[in-house]
Structures are given as structure tokens and as C-alpha cells.
Amino acid sequence: MKKALIGLVAFLMLNYVAIDLAHLVGVIKQFPLFLFFENVFWLALYAVSLYCLGKNETKGYLILSSVAWFNAGRVSRSVITPYGELPRLWVPHLFLELIILIVALLSTLQLKEKLTKT
């Protein structure tokens, strides 16, 4: 399960890099600078999470779970607004949201397993 989770996180990190690269080369025309730096921020947090997972699994799963659940909440506003409406870019964000939720759920389950063994 750990390798699958690392693979999903790596795929998620590649998505953040791809979005920023698409903006830099001009594929995405309207892209607020704030979102560019937010993607870099999430990329860094996921990288730190994987590093911590390699050092200490329990702490790594705790950090990864926290990062993923918070990120899922952040992206969910791009899938559906607080008013129940679907924003313009909800379809690509839905795929991203599903990946983040899977990472959050798997890391939480792994953390639970680690904590119940001790």
C-alpha cells in the first residue's frame, strides 16, 4: 500500500508541476499569479510529506494525511461553490479532487494501522 500511495502522491505532484508549466509556456492564458505560487506550495508540502514518510512512517502518514485533507477542502471549492453552483472549471478539478481524496483516505488508513500496532 505504501508504494501505491507514494505513486499517487508523485502523480499528484506532477499534476501541480504540469499546471504551472502550462501557464509558463502560454497554454493556460488566464491564470492568477497566486495560483501559480499556491501550486508550488502544495508541491513542496507533498514533497516534504514523502520525505517524512521515508524517515518515519507514522509521522509521515500523519503529515501526508493532514496535507491531503486540507488540500481536498481547498480544491473542493473549485468543484462546487458554497452556494451549490458548479464553477467554470469544475470538471478538471473533480479529477484532481478524487486523487487528493484517495491520497487522504489511504494515508489516514495507513496511519490508523500504524497507531493500532503500537
Protein backbone atom coordinates (compact mmCIF):
# COMPACT_ATOMS: atom_id res chain seq x y z
CA MET A 1 0.00 0.00 0.00
CA LYS A 2 2.89 2.37 0.75
CA LYS A 3 4.26 2.13 -2.80
CA ALA A 4 0.83 2.78 -4.30
CA LEU A 5 0.40 5.80 -2.06
CA ILE A 6 3.83 7.15 -3.00
CA GLY A 7 2.93 6.67 -6.67
CA LEU A 8 -0.33 8.57 -6.26
CA VAL A 9 1.41 11.42 -4.45
CA ALA A 10 4.09 11.56 -7.17
CA PHE A 11 1.33 11.69 -9.81
CA LEU A 12 -0.40 14.45 -7.85
CA MET A 13 2.87 16.40 -7.64
CA LEU A 14 3.34 16.02 -11.41
CA ASN A 15 -0.11 17.50 -11.93
CA TYR A 16 0.83 20.62 -9.98
CA VAL A 17 4.06 20.94 -11.99
CA ALA A 18 2.20 20.42 -15.29
CA ILE A 19 -0.35 23.12 -14.49
CA ASP A 20 2.38 25.63 -13.68
CA LEU A 21 4.40 24.69 -16.77
CA ALA A 22 1.29 25.05 -18.94
CA HIS A 23 0.91 28.55 -17.55
CA LEU A 24 4.57 29.43 -18.12
CA VAL A 25 4.58 28.32 -21.77
CA GLY A 26 1.27 30.04 -22.50
CA VAL A 27 -1.09 27.08 -22.84
CA ILE A 28 -3.16 28.46 -19.97
CA LYS A 29 -3.80 32.15 -20.67
CA GLN A 30 -5.80 33.30 -17.66
CA PHE A 31 -4.04 32.06 -14.58
CA PRO A 32 -3.71 34.23 -11.47
CA LEU A 33 -0.17 34.51 -10.14
CA PHE A 34 -1.48 33.49 -6.72
CA LEU A 35 -2.50 30.08 -8.10
CA PHE A 36 0.96 29.58 -9.58
CA PHE A 37 2.55 30.05 -6.16
CA GLU A 38 -0.18 28.02 -4.45
CA ASN A 39 0.67 25.08 -6.73
CA VAL A 40 4.36 25.45 -5.81
CA PHE A 41 3.32 25.48 -2.15
CA TRP A 42 1.31 22.24 -2.48
CA LEU A 43 4.12 20.64 -4.44
CA ALA A 44 6.56 21.48 -1.64
CA LEU A 45 4.20 20.19 1.07
CA TYR A 46 3.73 16.88 -0.71
CA ALA A 47 7.50 16.59 -1.23
CA VAL A 48 8.09 17.19 2.49
CA SER A 49 5.39 14.62 3.28
CA LEU A 50 7.12 11.98 1.16
CA TYR A 51 10.48 12.82 2.73
CA CYS A 52 8.99 12.43 6.22
CA LEU A 53 7.30 9.20 5.17
CA GLY A 54 10.71 7.82 4.24
CA LYS A 55 12.20 8.83 7.61
CA ASN A 56 9.40 7.87 10.00
CA GLU A 57 6.27 6.19 8.66
CA THR A 58 3.95 7.23 11.48
CA LYS A 59 4.90 10.91 11.30
CA GLY A 60 4.96 10.75 7.51
CA TYR A 61 1.44 9.36 7.29
CA LEU A 62 0.26 11.96 9.82
CA ILE A 63 1.75 14.81 7.80
CA LEU A 64 0.59 13.41 4.46
CA SER A 65 -2.91 12.82 5.77
CA SER A 66 -3.13 16.36 7.17
CA VAL A 67 -1.82 17.94 3.97
CA ALA A 68 -4.13 15.89 1.74
CA TRP A 69 -7.29 16.51 3.78
CA PHE A 70 -6.62 20.25 3.89
CA ASN A 71 -5.83 20.30 0.17
CA ALA A 72 -9.03 18.36 -0.56
CA GLY A 73 -11.02 21.03 1.25
CA ARG A 74 -9.27 23.76 -0.70
CA VAL A 75 -9.87 22.14 -4.10
CA SER A 76 -13.48 21.24 -3.27
CA ARG A 77 -14.42 24.92 -3.64
CA SER A 78 -13.38 24.64 -7.29
CA VAL A 79 -15.70 21.66 -7.80
CA ILE A 80 -18.78 23.13 -6.14
CA THR A 81 -19.24 26.59 -4.67
CA PRO A 82 -20.59 27.23 -1.17
CA TYR A 83 -23.82 28.24 -2.94
CA GLY A 84 -24.22 24.85 -4.62
CA GLU A 85 -23.22 26.03 -8.09
CA LEU A 86 -20.70 24.42 -10.44
CA PRO A 87 -17.87 26.79 -11.37
CA ARG A 88 -16.49 27.06 -14.90
CA LEU A 89 -13.53 24.66 -14.37
CA TRP A 90 -15.26 22.09 -12.19
CA VAL A 91 -14.58 19.08 -14.44
CA PRO A 92 -10.74 19.14 -14.31
CA HIS A 93 -10.87 19.95 -10.61
CA LEU A 94 -13.11 16.94 -9.98
CA PHE A 95 -10.39 14.56 -11.20
CA LEU A 96 -7.81 16.35 -9.04
CA GLU A 97 -10.16 16.23 -6.06
CA LEU A 98 -10.66 12.47 -6.44
CA ILE A 99 -6.91 11.83 -6.46
CA ILE A 100 -6.41 14.03 -3.39
CA LEU A 101 -9.27 12.30 -1.54
CA ILE A 102 -7.81 8.87 -2.33
CA VAL A 103 -4.41 10.00 -1.01
CA ALA A 104 -6.05 11.44 2.11
CA LEU A 105 -8.08 8.30 2.78
CA LEU A 106 -5.21 5.86 2.16
CA SER A 107 -2.77 7.84 4.29
CA THR A 108 -5.32 8.05 7.11
CA LEU A 109 -5.94 4.30 6.94
CA GLN A 110 -2.18 3.63 6.99
CA LEU A 111 -1.78 5.98 9.96
CA LYS A 112 -4.58 4.17 11.81
CA GLU A 113 -2.88 0.85 11.10
CA LYS A 114 0.48 2.13 12.38
CA LEU A 115 -1.05 3.59 15.54
CA THR A 116 -3.04 0.46 16.42
CA LYS A 117 0.03 -1.79 16.07
CA THR A 118 1.93 0.04 18.82
